[in-house]
Amino acid sequence: MKLDPSLQSLVLRATSASGVSDAALIQSLWSGYGKILRVPLTFSDTDPSHPASVIVKHVSPPCEQQGSPGASHPRGWNTDQSHQRKVRSYDVEASWYREYSDRCDAACRVPACLLAESFDGQWVFVLEDLDASGFATRKSHLDRDGVFVVLAWLAHFHATFLCEPLEGLWPVGTYWHLATRRDEYQVMQSGKLKAAAAAIDARLNACRFQTAVHGDAKVANFCFSADGTRTAAVDFQYVGRGCGMKDVAYFLSSCISEAECERNESVYLDFYFRALRQSLASRNSTVDGDALESEWRAMYSFAWADFTRFLLGWCPGHHKLNRYSRRITEQVLAEC
């Protein structure tokens, strides 16, 4: 497709390219809020360091929200609160790329940001094309080694931002946190989990050790090398302050079966905490590793219960509401 002239101008400015070719649609954004494109580049010289293409994330929300054909939502949550949350999420993503993303090294790889701008109620991100950088593989399920690869990424990411102030990001990270999901909370059936929702949220938010959580760390937001040994993450709309277990629990829910969670919960947690300690040691961190692990291990079940609360309001028939998640939630409710 032809690139809009305003977008073309931004891409040329961000890349110093001499021209662009027709863009290819990678995907539309959630609820019709824009699109992600791959844009081939041309240069006036033959310098091999020039990128062959870039990714353009163009956010252009529908003009009208609730009831508008352009404001479709797969599960009907096209409310004003939903719209305001999405708008805020793109401001956060812009802050992330401008202020924080360059702190991520090869151990928690993210796309380089060439431009992040907002204007007239729109946002444009010009990003490194991770496919061209060796991360062209996408997966929906992972074997144990694949799980370890992403857990190592999360551990390094969490270590990088541990105990940082994180201004400009969500004060509470993750797309499902209670303060921004009141619509879903209101439609939950009455019961122990609904009654305990605020207490569970408070326990997670009161953790002594807080870091930057990705906030939407599902397997679909990770790009893998061809051999599966390296990964890079995308989609930082819901990055913000939080306990690292939020990312870990949500990630595991996205890529392995409930039976695998039951069998190897301790294996995966042990691996994550080893990687976290190693990353902190490589940074000569003074953080008390024993205290950190003790606090966060106890929060693993709370993170599951917190996400379960969201699902019960958002989509009570969701496949992730399985025996494992319900058992974990019951454990938490017994403590509340």
C-alpha atoms as a PDB file:
ATOM      1  CA  MET A   1       0.000   0.000   0.000  1.00  0.00           C
ATOM      2  CA  LYS A   2       1.052   3.587  -0.586  1.00  0.00           C
ATOM      3  CA  LEU A   3       2.329   5.317   2.525  1.00  0.00           C
ATOM      4  CA  ASP A   4       0.482   8.461   3.541  1.00  0.00           C
ATOM      5  CA  PRO A   5       2.646  11.528   2.661  1.00  0.00           C
ATOM      6  CA  SER A   6       2.791  12.667   6.287  1.00  0.00           C
ATOM      7  CA  LEU A   7       3.967   9.238   7.405  1.00  0.00           C
ATOM      8  CA  GLN A   8       6.436   9.090   4.538  1.00  0.00           C
ATOM      9  CA  SER A   9       7.922  12.404   5.635  1.00  0.00           C
ATOM     10  CA  LEU A  10       8.347  11.132   9.207  1.00  0.00           C
ATOM     11  CA  VAL A  11      10.003   7.910   8.031  1.00  0.00           C
ATOM     12  CA  LEU A  12      12.438   9.784   5.805  1.00  0.00           C
ATOM     13  CA  ARG A  13      13.303  12.143   8.646  1.00  0.00           C
ATOM     14  CA  ALA A  14      13.797   9.300  11.116  1.00  0.00           C
ATOM     15  CA  THR A  15      15.956   7.162   8.827  1.00  0.00           C
ATOM     16  CA  SER A  16      17.679   9.671   6.516  1.00  0.00           C
ATOM     17  CA  ALA A  17      16.557   7.448   3.647  1.00  0.00           C
ATOM     18  CA  SER A  18      16.137   8.925   0.175  1.00  0.00           C
ATOM     19  CA  GLY A  19      12.833   7.172  -0.471  1.00  0.00           C
ATOM     20  CA  VAL A  20      10.348   4.539   0.591  1.00  0.00           C
ATOM     21  CA  SER A  21       8.605   1.762  -1.305  1.00  0.00           C
ATOM     22  CA  ASP A  22       5.054   0.493  -0.878  1.00  0.00           C
ATOM     23  CA  ALA A  23       4.335  -0.534   2.697  1.00  0.00           C
ATOM     24  CA  ALA A  24       3.088  -3.985   3.728  1.00  0.00           C
ATOM     25  CA  LEU A  25       0.413  -4.332   6.402  1.00  0.00           C
ATOM     26  CA  ILE A  26       1.612  -6.510   9.280  1.00  0.00           C
ATOM     27  CA  GLN A  27      -1.501  -6.174  11.422  1.00  0.00           C
ATOM     28  CA  SER A  28      -4.260  -3.840  12.519  1.00  0.00           C
ATOM     29  CA  LEU A  29      -4.178  -2.531  16.062  1.00  0.00           C
ATOM     30  CA  TRP A  30      -6.645  -3.692  18.699  1.00  0.00           C
ATOM     31  CA  SER A  31     -10.188  -2.303  18.261  1.00  0.00           C
ATOM     32  CA  GLY A  32      -9.388  -0.535  15.008  1.00  0.00           C
ATOM     33  CA  TYR A  33      -6.980   2.006  16.527  1.00  0.00           C
ATOM     34  CA  GLY A  34      -4.493   1.950  13.674  1.00  0.00           C
ATOM     35  CA  LYS A  35      -2.037  -0.328  11.946  1.00  0.00           C
ATOM     36  CA  ILE A  36       1.493  -1.678  11.933  1.00  0.00           C
ATOM     37  CA  LEU A  37       3.365  -1.526   8.631  1.00  0.00           C
ATOM     38  CA  ARG A  38       6.667  -2.733   7.224  1.00  0.00           C
ATOM     39  CA  VAL A  39       8.165   0.020   5.090  1.00  0.00           C
ATOM     40  CA  PRO A  40      11.052  -0.757   2.677  1.00  0.00           C
ATOM     41  CA  LEU A  41      13.678   1.985   2.395  1.00  0.00           C
ATOM     42  CA  THR A  42      15.955   3.206  -0.347  1.00  0.00           C
ATOM     43  CA  PHE A  43      19.168   5.173   0.137  1.00  0.00           C
ATOM     44  CA  SER A  44      21.273   7.297  -2.172  1.00  0.00           C
ATOM     45  CA  ASP A  45      24.421   5.376  -1.272  1.00  0.00           C
ATOM     46  CA  THR A  46      25.267   1.694  -0.790  1.00  0.00           C
ATOM     47  CA  ASP A  47      26.362   1.767   2.851  1.00  0.00           C
ATOM     48  CA  PRO A  48      25.634  -1.786   4.126  1.00  0.00           C
ATOM     49  CA  SER A  49      24.719  -0.436   7.566  1.00  0.00           C
ATOM     50  CA  HIS A  50      21.524   1.122   6.216  1.00  0.00           C
ATOM     51  CA  PRO A  51      18.384  -0.787   7.228  1.00  0.00           C
ATOM     52  CA  ALA A  52      16.433  -2.354   4.376  1.00  0.00           C
ATOM     53  CA  SER A  53      13.131  -1.608   6.123  1.00  0.00           C
ATOM     54  CA  VAL A  54      11.559  -0.205   9.255  1.00  0.00           C
ATOM     55  CA  ILE A  55       8.367  -0.872  11.181  1.00  0.00           C
ATOM     56  CA  VAL A  56       5.837   1.950  11.418  1.00  0.00           C
ATOM     57  CA  LYS A  57       3.210   1.784  14.137  1.00  0.00           C
ATOM     58  CA  HIS A  58       0.578   4.375  13.285  1.00  0.00           C
ATOM     59  CA  VAL A  59      -2.072   4.924  15.931  1.00  0.00           C
ATOM     60  CA  SER A  60      -5.160   6.770  14.723  1.00  0.00           C
ATOM     61  CA  PRO A  61      -8.114   6.190  17.084  1.00  0.00           C
ATOM     62  CA  PRO A  62     -11.672   6.225  15.713  1.00  0.00           C
ATOM     63  CA  CYS A  63     -13.224   9.681  15.905  1.00  0.00           C
ATOM     64  CA  GLU A  64     -16.273   8.396  17.751  1.00  0.00           C
ATOM     65  CA  GLN A  65     -16.142   5.676  20.340  1.00  0.00           C
ATOM     66  CA  GLN A  66     -19.000   3.771  21.863  1.00  0.00           C
ATOM     67  CA  GLY A  67     -21.472   2.613  19.237  1.00  0.00           C
ATOM     68  CA  SER A  68     -19.254   3.721  16.355  1.00  0.00           C
ATOM     69  CA  PRO A  69     -18.541   1.158  13.620  1.00  0.00           C
ATOM     70  CA  GLY A  70     -14.880   2.159  13.859  1.00  0.00           C
ATOM     71  CA  ALA A  71     -14.761   1.505  17.576  1.00  0.00           C
ATOM     72  CA  SER A  72     -15.310  -2.235  17.380  1.00  0.00           C
ATOM     73  CA  HIS A  73     -14.028  -4.423  20.179  1.00  0.00           C
ATOM     74  CA  PRO A  74     -13.858  -8.226  19.907  1.00  0.00           C
ATOM     75  CA  ARG A  75     -15.678  -8.604  23.224  1.00  0.00           C
ATOM     76  CA  GLY A  76     -17.818  -5.481  23.285  1.00  0.00           C
ATOM     77  CA  TRP A  77     -15.734  -3.372  25.685  1.00  0.00           C
ATOM     78  CA  ASN A  78     -15.854  -0.213  23.569  1.00  0.00           C
ATOM     79  CA  THR A  79     -16.630   2.127  26.486  1.00  0.00           C
ATOM     80  CA  ASP A  80     -15.261   5.600  27.133  1.00  0.00           C
ATOM     81  CA  GLN A  81     -13.083   4.200  29.930  1.00  0.00           C
ATOM     82  CA  SER A  82     -11.667   1.664  27.490  1.00  0.00           C
ATOM     83  CA  HIS A  83     -10.920   4.431  24.997  1.00  0.00           C
ATOM     84  CA  GLN A  84      -9.223   6.635  27.601  1.00  0.00           C
ATOM     85  CA  ARG A  85      -7.104   3.702  28.760  1.00  0.00           C
ATOM     86  CA  LYS A  86      -5.923   3.037  25.204  1.00  0.00           C
ATOM     87  CA  VAL A  87      -5.134   6.707  24.598  1.00  0.00           C
ATOM     88  CA  ARG A  88      -3.087   6.800  27.797  1.00  0.00           C
ATOM     89  CA  SER A  89      -1.340   3.581  26.763  1.00  0.00           C
ATOM     90  CA  TYR A  90       0.093   5.165  23.612  1.00  0.00           C
ATOM     91  CA  ASP A  91       1.391   8.141  25.588  1.00  0.00           C
ATOM     92  CA  VAL A  92       3.078   5.637  27.893  1.00  0.00           C
ATOM     93  CA  GLU A  93       4.530   3.711  24.969  1.00  0.00           C
ATOM     94  CA  ALA A  94       5.966   6.933  23.555  1.00  0.00           C
ATOM     95  CA  SER A  95       7.549   7.730  26.938  1.00  0.00           C
ATOM     96  CA  TRP A  96       8.941   4.214  27.116  1.00  0.00           C
ATOM     97  CA  TYR A  97      10.654   4.447  23.740  1.00  0.00           C
ATOM     98  CA  ARG A  98      11.944   7.962  24.298  1.00  0.00           C
ATOM     99  CA  GLU A  99      13.191   7.608  27.866  1.00  0.00           C
ATOM    100  CA  TYR A 100      13.793   3.958  28.742  1.00  0.00           C
ATOM    101  CA  SER A 101      14.110   1.542  25.813  1.00  0.00           C
ATOM    102  CA  ASP A 102      17.762   2.310  25.122  1.00  0.00           C
ATOM    103  CA  ARG A 103      18.626   0.890  28.554  1.00  0.00           C
ATOM    104  CA  CYS A 104      17.671  -2.590  27.341  1.00  0.00           C
ATOM    105  CA  ASP A 105      20.722  -4.556  26.214  1.00  0.00           C
ATOM    106  CA  ALA A 106      21.070  -7.791  24.242  1.00  0.00           C
ATOM    107  CA  ALA A 107      19.815  -9.825  27.213  1.00  0.00           C
ATOM    108  CA  CYS A 108      16.413  -8.095  27.106  1.00  0.00           C
ATOM    109  CA  ARG A 109      16.329  -7.045  23.464  1.00  0.00           C
ATOM    110  CA  VAL A 110      13.751  -4.525  22.225  1.00  0.00           C
ATOM    111  CA  PRO A 111      13.487  -2.755  18.860  1.00  0.00           C
ATOM    112  CA  ALA A 112      15.519   0.406  18.492  1.00  0.00           C
ATOM    113  CA  CYS A 113      13.275   3.444  18.304  1.00  0.00           C
ATOM    114  CA  LEU A 114      14.063   5.898  15.518  1.00  0.00           C
ATOM    115  CA  LEU A 115      11.083   8.161  16.165  1.00  0.00           C
ATOM    116  CA  ALA A 116       8.154   8.400  18.582  1.00  0.00           C
ATOM    117  CA  GLU A 117       5.860  11.369  18.029  1.00  0.00           C
ATOM    118  CA  SER A 118       2.290  12.349  18.798  1.00  0.00           C
ATOM    119  CA  PHE A 119       0.204  14.981  17.027  1.00  0.00           C
ATOM    120  CA  ASP A 120      -3.468  15.717  16.364  1.00  0.00           C
ATOM    121  CA  GLY A 121      -4.596  12.796  18.509  1.00  0.00           C
ATOM    122  CA  GLN A 122      -2.346  10.351  16.646  1.00  0.00           C
ATOM    123  CA  TRP A 123       0.919   8.588  17.441  1.00  0.00           C
ATOM    124  CA  VAL A 124       3.660   7.422  15.088  1.00  0.00           C
ATOM    125  CA  PHE A 125       6.482   5.078  16.048  1.00  0.00           C
ATOM    126  CA  VAL A 126       9.291   4.292  13.605  1.00  0.00           C
ATOM    127  CA  LEU A 127      11.051   1.199  14.901  1.00  0.00           C
ATOM    128  CA  GLU A 128      13.795  -1.208  13.972  1.00  0.00           C
ATOM    129  CA  ASP A 129      12.528  -4.118  11.883  1.00  0.00           C
ATOM    130  CA  LEU A 130      13.278  -7.060  14.178  1.00  0.00           C
ATOM    131  CA  ASP A 131      12.720  -9.554  11.360  1.00  0.00           C
ATOM    132  CA  ALA A 132      15.661  -8.042   9.493  1.00  0.00           C
ATOM    133  CA  SER A 133      17.708  -8.120  12.706  1.00  0.00           C
ATOM    134  CA  GLY A 134      17.385 -11.871  13.135  1.00  0.00           C
ATOM    135  CA  PHE A 135      14.139 -12.198  15.097  1.00  0.00           C
ATOM    136  CA  ALA A 136      11.742 -13.271  12.354  1.00  0.00           C
ATOM    137  CA  THR A 137      10.131 -16.264  14.078  1.00  0.00           C
ATOM    138  CA  ARG A 138       6.765 -16.035  15.887  1.00  0.00           C
ATOM    139  CA  LYS A 139       5.367 -18.727  18.180  1.00  0.00           C
ATOM    140  CA  SER A 140       2.063 -19.437  19.889  1.00  0.00           C
ATOM    141  CA  HIS A 141       3.231 -22.267  22.152  1.00  0.00           C
ATOM    142  CA  LEU A 142       6.641 -23.024  23.612  1.00  0.00           C
ATOM    143  CA  ASP A 143       8.531 -26.089  24.733  1.00  0.00           C
ATOM    144  CA  ARG A 144      10.484 -25.946  27.984  1.00  0.00           C
ATOM    145  CA  ASP A 145      13.595 -24.465  26.398  1.00  0.00           C
ATOM    146  CA  GLY A 146      11.489 -21.787  24.732  1.00  0.00           C
ATOM    147  CA  VAL A 147       9.895 -20.900  28.053  1.00  0.00           C
ATOM    148  CA  PHE A 148      13.363 -20.571  29.566  1.00  0.00           C
ATOM    149  CA  VAL A 149      14.412 -18.153  26.792  1.00  0.00           C
ATOM    150  CA  VAL A 150      11.550 -15.759  27.551  1.00  0.00           C
ATOM    151  CA  LEU A 151      11.884 -16.144  31.324  1.00  0.00           C
ATOM    152  CA  ALA A 152      15.538 -15.131  30.972  1.00  0.00           C
ATOM    153  CA  TRP A 153      14.431 -12.065  28.976  1.00  0.00           C
ATOM    154  CA  LEU A 154      11.933 -11.146  31.697  1.00  0.00           C
ATOM    155  CA  ALA A 155      14.507 -11.651  34.459  1.00  0.00           C
ATOM    156  CA  HIS A 156      17.013  -9.353  32.738  1.00  0.00           C
ATOM    157  CA  PHE A 157      14.311  -6.785  32.009  1.00  0.00           C
ATOM    158  CA  HIS A 158      13.150  -6.764  35.621  1.00  0.00           C
ATOM    159  CA  ALA A 159      16.713  -6.528  36.908  1.00  0.00           C
ATOM    160  CA  THR A 160      17.413  -3.585  34.593  1.00  0.00           C
ATOM    161  CA  PHE A 161      14.643  -1.447  36.073  1.00  0.00           C
ATOM    162  CA  LEU A 162      14.469  -2.754  39.629  1.00  0.00           C
ATOM    163  CA  CYS A 163      13.685  -0.027  42.179  1.00  0.00           C
ATOM    164  CA  GLU A 164      13.711   2.736  39.523  1.00  0.00           C
ATOM    165  CA  PRO A 165      11.199   5.640  39.731  1.00  0.00           C
ATOM    166  CA  LEU A 166       9.856   5.071  36.167  1.00  0.00           C
ATOM    167  CA  GLU A 167       8.283   8.477  35.647  1.00  0.00           C
ATOM    168  CA  GLY A 168       6.063   8.752  32.581  1.00  0.00           C
ATOM    169  CA  LEU A 169       5.072   5.075  32.610  1.00  0.00           C
ATOM    170  CA  TRP A 170       1.970   3.519  34.190  1.00  0.00           C
ATOM    171  CA  PRO A 171       2.102   3.945  37.981  1.00  0.00           C
ATOM    172  CA  VAL A 172       0.725   0.399  38.070  1.00  0.00           C
ATOM    173  CA  GLY A 173       1.767  -1.664  35.064  1.00  0.00           C
ATOM    174  CA  THR A 174      -0.221  -4.372  33.169  1.00  0.00           C
ATOM    175  CA  TYR A 175      -3.268  -3.900  31.003  1.00  0.00           C
ATOM    176  CA  TRP A 176      -5.596  -5.626  33.471  1.00  0.00           C
ATOM    177  CA  HIS A 177      -4.885  -3.770  36.722  1.00  0.00           C
ATOM    178  CA  LEU A 178      -7.934  -3.019  38.793  1.00  0.00           C
ATOM    179  CA  ALA A 179      -7.953   0.786  38.696  1.00  0.00           C
ATOM    180  CA  THR A 180      -8.357   0.810  34.902  1.00  0.00           C
ATOM    181  CA  ARG A 181     -10.741  -2.169  34.708  1.00  0.00           C
ATOM    182  CA  ARG A 182     -13.722  -0.983  36.711  1.00  0.00           C
ATOM    183  CA  ASP A 183     -16.158  -1.850  33.908  1.00  0.00           C
ATOM    184  CA  GLU A 184     -15.066  -5.477  33.976  1.00  0.00           C
ATOM    185  CA  TYR A 185     -15.052  -5.536  37.764  1.00  0.00           C
ATOM    186  CA  GLN A 186     -18.620  -4.274  37.950  1.00  0.00           C
ATOM    187  CA  VAL A 187     -19.989  -7.131  35.816  1.00  0.00           C
ATOM    188  CA  MET A 188     -18.217  -9.869  37.789  1.00  0.00           C
ATOM    189  CA  GLN A 189     -20.526 -12.176  39.675  1.00  0.00           C
ATOM    190  CA  SER A 190     -20.488 -11.547  43.409  1.00  0.00           C
ATOM    191  CA  GLY A 191     -18.202 -13.875  45.296  1.00  0.00           C
ATOM    192  CA  LYS A 192     -15.009 -14.219  47.273  1.00  0.00           C
ATOM    193  CA  LEU A 193     -12.697 -13.115  44.481  1.00  0.00           C
ATOM    194  CA  LYS A 194     -14.700  -9.973  43.713  1.00  0.00           C
ATOM    195  CA  ALA A 195     -14.761  -9.129  47.417  1.00  0.00           C
ATOM    196  CA  ALA A 196     -10.998  -9.674  47.705  1.00  0.00           C
ATOM    197  CA  ALA A 197     -10.019  -7.944  44.440  1.00  0.00           C
ATOM    198  CA  ALA A 198      -8.949  -4.674  46.073  1.00  0.00           C
ATOM    199  CA  ALA A 199      -6.941  -6.484  48.745  1.00  0.00           C
ATOM    200  CA  ILE A 200      -5.132  -8.595  46.125  1.00  0.00           C
ATOM    201  CA  ASP A 201      -4.350  -5.507  44.063  1.00  0.00           C
ATOM    202  CA  ALA A 202      -3.095  -3.717  47.180  1.00  0.00           C
ATOM    203  CA  ARG A 203      -0.785  -6.604  48.140  1.00  0.00           C
ATOM    204  CA  LEU A 204       0.845  -6.555  44.709  1.00  0.00           C
ATOM    205  CA  ASN A 205       1.168  -2.766  44.698  1.00  0.00           C
ATOM    206  CA  ALA A 206       2.657  -2.708  48.201  1.00  0.00           C
ATOM    207  CA  CYS A 207       5.615  -4.934  47.348  1.00  0.00           C
ATOM    208  CA  ARG A 208       8.862  -3.523  48.657  1.00  0.00           C
ATOM    209  CA  PHE A 209      10.576  -4.515  45.405  1.00  0.00           C
ATOM    210  CA  GLN A 210       9.046  -2.948  42.311  1.00  0.00           C
ATOM    211  CA  THR A 211      10.357  -2.872  38.770  1.00  0.00           C
ATOM    212  CA  ALA A 212       9.174  -2.135  35.256  1.00  0.00           C
ATOM    213  CA  VAL A 213       6.796  -4.853  34.154  1.00  0.00           C
ATOM    214  CA  HIS A 214       6.199  -5.273  30.431  1.00  0.00           C
ATOM    215  CA  GLY A 215       2.495  -5.405  31.157  1.00  0.00           C
ATOM    216  CA  ASP A 216       1.436  -7.570  28.200  1.00  0.00           C
ATOM    217  CA  ALA A 217       4.125 -10.245  28.194  1.00  0.00           C
ATOM    218  CA  LYS A 218       2.239 -12.865  26.177  1.00  0.00           C
ATOM    219  CA  VAL A 219       4.163 -15.100  23.813  1.00  0.00           C
ATOM    220  CA  ALA A 220       2.677 -13.253  20.807  1.00  0.00           C
ATOM    221  CA  ASN A 221       4.637 -10.163  21.850  1.00  0.00           C
ATOM    222  CA  PHE A 222       7.992 -11.941  21.586  1.00  0.00           C
ATOM    223  CA  CYS A 223       9.977 -12.382  18.389  1.00  0.00           C
ATOM    224  CA  PHE A 224      12.445 -15.268  18.205  1.00  0.00           C
ATOM    225  CA  SER A 225      15.643 -16.058  16.357  1.00  0.00           C
ATOM    226  CA  ALA A 226      15.464 -18.907  13.846  1.00  0.00           C
ATOM    227  CA  ASP A 227      17.108 -21.333  16.287  1.00  0.00           C
ATOM    228  CA  GLY A 228      14.847 -20.204  19.140  1.00  0.00           C
ATOM    229  CA  THR A 229      17.703 -19.317  21.485  1.00  0.00           C
ATOM    230  CA  ARG A 230      17.179 -15.539  21.465  1.00  0.00           C
ATOM    231  CA  THR A 231      14.128 -13.341  21.778  1.00  0.00           C
ATOM    232  CA  ALA A 232      13.088  -9.702  21.601  1.00  0.00           C
ATOM    233  CA  ALA A 233       9.897  -8.094  22.904  1.00  0.00           C
ATOM    234  CA  VAL A 234       7.491  -5.619  21.355  1.00  0.00           C
ATOM    235  CA  ASP A 235       4.316  -3.735  22.375  1.00  0.00           C
ATOM    236  CA  PHE A 236       5.047  -1.556  25.402  1.00  0.00           C
ATOM    237  CA  GLN A 237       1.668   0.130  25.833  1.00  0.00           C
ATOM    238  CA  TYR A 238       1.206  -1.162  29.377  1.00  0.00           C
ATOM    239  CA  VAL A 239       4.732  -0.987  30.747  1.00  0.00           C
ATOM    240  CA  GLY A 240       4.860   0.403  34.262  1.00  0.00           C
ATOM    241  CA  ARG A 241       5.657  -0.143  37.905  1.00  0.00           C
ATOM    242  CA  GLY A 242       4.928  -3.550  39.407  1.00  0.00           C
ATOM    243  CA  CYS A 243       5.986  -6.854  40.875  1.00  0.00           C
ATOM    244  CA  GLY A 244       7.803  -9.011  38.338  1.00  0.00           C
ATOM    245  CA  MET A 245       5.507 -11.950  39.019  1.00  0.00           C
ATOM    246  CA  LYS A 246       2.765 -10.199  37.066  1.00  0.00           C
ATOM    247  CA  ASP A 247       4.770 -10.694  33.876  1.00  0.00           C
ATOM    248  CA  VAL A 248       5.838 -14.222  34.781  1.00  0.00           C
ATOM    249  CA  ALA A 249       2.367 -15.526  35.599  1.00  0.00           C
ATOM    250  CA  TYR A 250       0.771 -13.875  32.585  1.00  0.00           C
ATOM    251  CA  PHE A 251       3.502 -15.121  30.248  1.00  0.00           C
ATOM    252  CA  LEU A 252       3.143 -18.712  31.432  1.00  0.00           C
ATOM    253  CA  SER A 253      -0.627 -18.497  30.955  1.00  0.00           C
ATOM    254  CA  SER A 254      -0.073 -17.497  27.327  1.00  0.00           C
ATOM    255  CA  CYS A 255       2.113 -20.314  26.059  1.00  0.00           C
ATOM    256  CA  ILE A 256       1.849 -23.562  28.045  1.00  0.00           C
ATOM    257  CA  SER A 257      -1.006 -25.816  29.075  1.00  0.00           C
ATOM    258  CA  GLU A 258      -2.517 -25.972  32.534  1.00  0.00           C
ATOM    259  CA  ALA A 259      -1.029 -29.465  32.889  1.00  0.00           C
ATOM    260  CA  GLU A 260       2.434 -28.079  32.131  1.00  0.00           C
ATOM    261  CA  CYS A 261       1.884 -25.305  34.675  1.00  0.00           C
ATOM    262  CA  GLU A 262       0.931 -27.902  37.287  1.00  0.00           C
ATOM    263  CA  ARG A 263       3.914 -30.143  36.534  1.00  0.00           C
ATOM    264  CA  ASN A 264       6.648 -27.553  36.187  1.00  0.00           C
ATOM    265  CA  GLU A 265       5.615 -24.448  38.110  1.00  0.00           C
ATOM    266  CA  SER A 266       8.590 -24.799  40.457  1.00  0.00           C
ATOM    267  CA  VAL A 267      10.980 -25.542  37.582  1.00  0.00           C
ATOM    268  CA  TYR A 268      10.042 -22.335  35.810  1.00  0.00           C
ATOM    269  CA  LEU A 269      10.093 -20.190  38.929  1.00  0.00           C
ATOM    270  CA  ASP A 270      13.464 -21.599  39.993  1.00  0.00           C
ATOM    271  CA  PHE A 271      14.894 -20.819  36.556  1.00  0.00           C
ATOM    272  CA  TYR A 272      13.508 -17.280  36.581  1.00  0.00           C
ATOM    273  CA  PHE A 273      14.939 -16.460  39.994  1.00  0.00           C
ATOM    274  CA  ARG A 274      18.350 -17.881  39.089  1.00  0.00           C
ATOM    275  CA  ALA A 275      18.378 -15.681  35.992  1.00  0.00           C
ATOM    276  CA  LEU A 276      17.225 -12.677  38.023  1.00  0.00           C
ATOM    277  CA  ARG A 277      19.996 -13.142  40.583  1.00  0.00           C
ATOM    278  CA  GLN A 278      22.602 -13.589  37.841  1.00  0.00           C
ATOM    279  CA  SER A 279      21.462 -10.405  36.127  1.00  0.00           C
ATOM    280  CA  LEU A 280      21.576  -8.440  39.373  1.00  0.00           C
ATOM    281  CA  ALA A 281      25.052  -9.798  40.111  1.00  0.00           C
ATOM    282  CA  SER A 282      26.275  -8.743  36.664  1.00  0.00           C
ATOM    283  CA  ARG A 283      25.143  -5.211  37.519  1.00  0.00           C
ATOM    284  CA  ASN A 284      26.865  -5.295  40.940  1.00  0.00           C
ATOM    285  CA  SER A 285      23.461  -4.625  42.439  1.00  0.00           C
ATOM    286  CA  THR A 286      23.184  -4.116  46.191  1.00  0.00           C
ATOM    287  CA  VAL A 287      19.608  -5.450  46.245  1.00  0.00           C
ATOM    288  CA  ASP A 288      19.059  -8.209  48.828  1.00  0.00           C
ATOM    289  CA  GLY A 289      18.461 -11.173  46.510  1.00  0.00           C
ATOM    290  CA  ASP A 290      17.056 -13.395  49.256  1.00  0.00           C
ATOM    291  CA  ALA A 291      14.519 -10.787  50.321  1.00  0.00           C
ATOM    292  CA  LEU A 292      13.556 -10.087  46.717  1.00  0.00           C
ATOM    293  CA  GLU A 293      13.007 -13.744  45.888  1.00  0.00           C
ATOM    294  CA  SER A 294      11.075 -14.388  49.093  1.00  0.00           C
ATOM    295  CA  GLU A 295       8.710 -11.491  48.451  1.00  0.00           C
ATOM    296  CA  TRP A 296       8.145 -12.185  44.759  1.00  0.00           C
ATOM    297  CA  ARG A 297       7.714 -15.959  45.108  1.00  0.00           C
ATOM    298  CA  ALA A 298       4.882 -15.292  47.533  1.00  0.00           C
ATOM    299  CA  MET A 299       3.327 -12.923  44.983  1.00  0.00           C
ATOM    300  CA  TYR A 300       3.232 -15.463  42.131  1.00  0.00           C
ATOM    301  CA  SER A 301      -0.152 -16.802  43.233  1.00  0.00           C
ATOM    302  CA  PHE A 302      -1.421 -13.251  43.862  1.00  0.00           C
ATOM    303  CA  ALA A 303      -0.489 -12.305  40.292  1.00  0.00           C
ATOM    304  CA  TRP A 304      -2.474 -15.294  38.981  1.00  0.00           C
ATOM    305  CA  ALA A 305      -5.456 -14.375  41.128  1.00  0.00           C
ATOM    306  CA  ASP A 306      -5.292 -10.763  39.977  1.00  0.00           C
ATOM    307  CA  PHE A 307      -5.391 -11.808  36.318  1.00  0.00           C
ATOM    308  CA  THR A 308      -8.132 -14.330  37.043  1.00  0.00           C
ATOM    309  CA  ARG A 309     -10.231 -11.493  38.497  1.00  0.00           C
ATOM    310  CA  PHE A 310      -9.873  -9.592  35.231  1.00  0.00           C
ATOM    311  CA  LEU A 311     -10.824 -12.588  33.075  1.00  0.00           C
ATOM    312  CA  LEU A 312     -13.931 -13.349  35.112  1.00  0.00           C
ATOM    313  CA  GLY A 313     -15.243  -9.890  34.272  1.00  0.00           C
ATOM    314  CA  TRP A 314     -13.879  -9.550  30.751  1.00  0.00           C
ATOM    315  CA  CYS A 315     -14.623 -13.032  29.392  1.00  0.00           C
ATOM    316  CA  PRO A 316     -15.932 -15.483  32.017  1.00  0.00           C
ATOM    317  CA  GLY A 317     -15.743 -18.381  29.554  1.00  0.00           C
ATOM    318  CA  HIS A 318     -12.065 -17.829  28.706  1.00  0.00           C
ATOM    319  CA  HIS A 319      -9.929 -20.961  28.349  1.00  0.00           C
ATOM    320  CA  LYS A 320      -7.376 -19.581  30.827  1.00  0.00           C
ATOM    321  CA  LEU A 321      -9.955 -19.936  33.595  1.00  0.00           C
ATOM    322  CA  ASN A 322      -8.881 -23.524  34.110  1.00  0.00           C
ATOM    323  CA  ARG A 323      -8.362 -25.774  37.105  1.00  0.00           C
ATOM    324  CA  TYR A 324      -4.820 -24.525  37.653  1.00  0.00           C
ATOM    325  CA  SER A 325      -5.760 -20.841  37.758  1.00  0.00           C
ATOM    326  CA  ARG A 326      -8.762 -21.563  39.971  1.00  0.00           C
ATOM    327  CA  ARG A 327      -6.661 -23.639  42.376  1.00  0.00           C
ATOM    328  CA  ILE A 328      -4.056 -20.895  42.622  1.00  0.00           C
ATOM    329  CA  THR A 329      -6.788 -18.327  43.199  1.00  0.00           C
ATOM    330  CA  GLU A 330      -8.361 -20.386  45.955  1.00  0.00           C
ATOM    331  CA  GLN A 331      -5.002 -20.457  47.735  1.00  0.00           C
ATOM    332  CA  VAL A 332      -4.866 -16.682  47.647  1.00  0.00           C
ATOM    333  CA  LEU A 333      -8.443 -16.288  48.862  1.00  0.00           C
ATOM    334  CA  ALA A 334      -7.612 -18.478  51.830  1.00  0.00           C
ATOM    335  CA  GLU A 335      -4.938 -15.919  52.803  1.00  0.00           C
ATOM    336  CA  CYS A 336      -7.118 -12.833  52.337  1.00  0.00           C
END
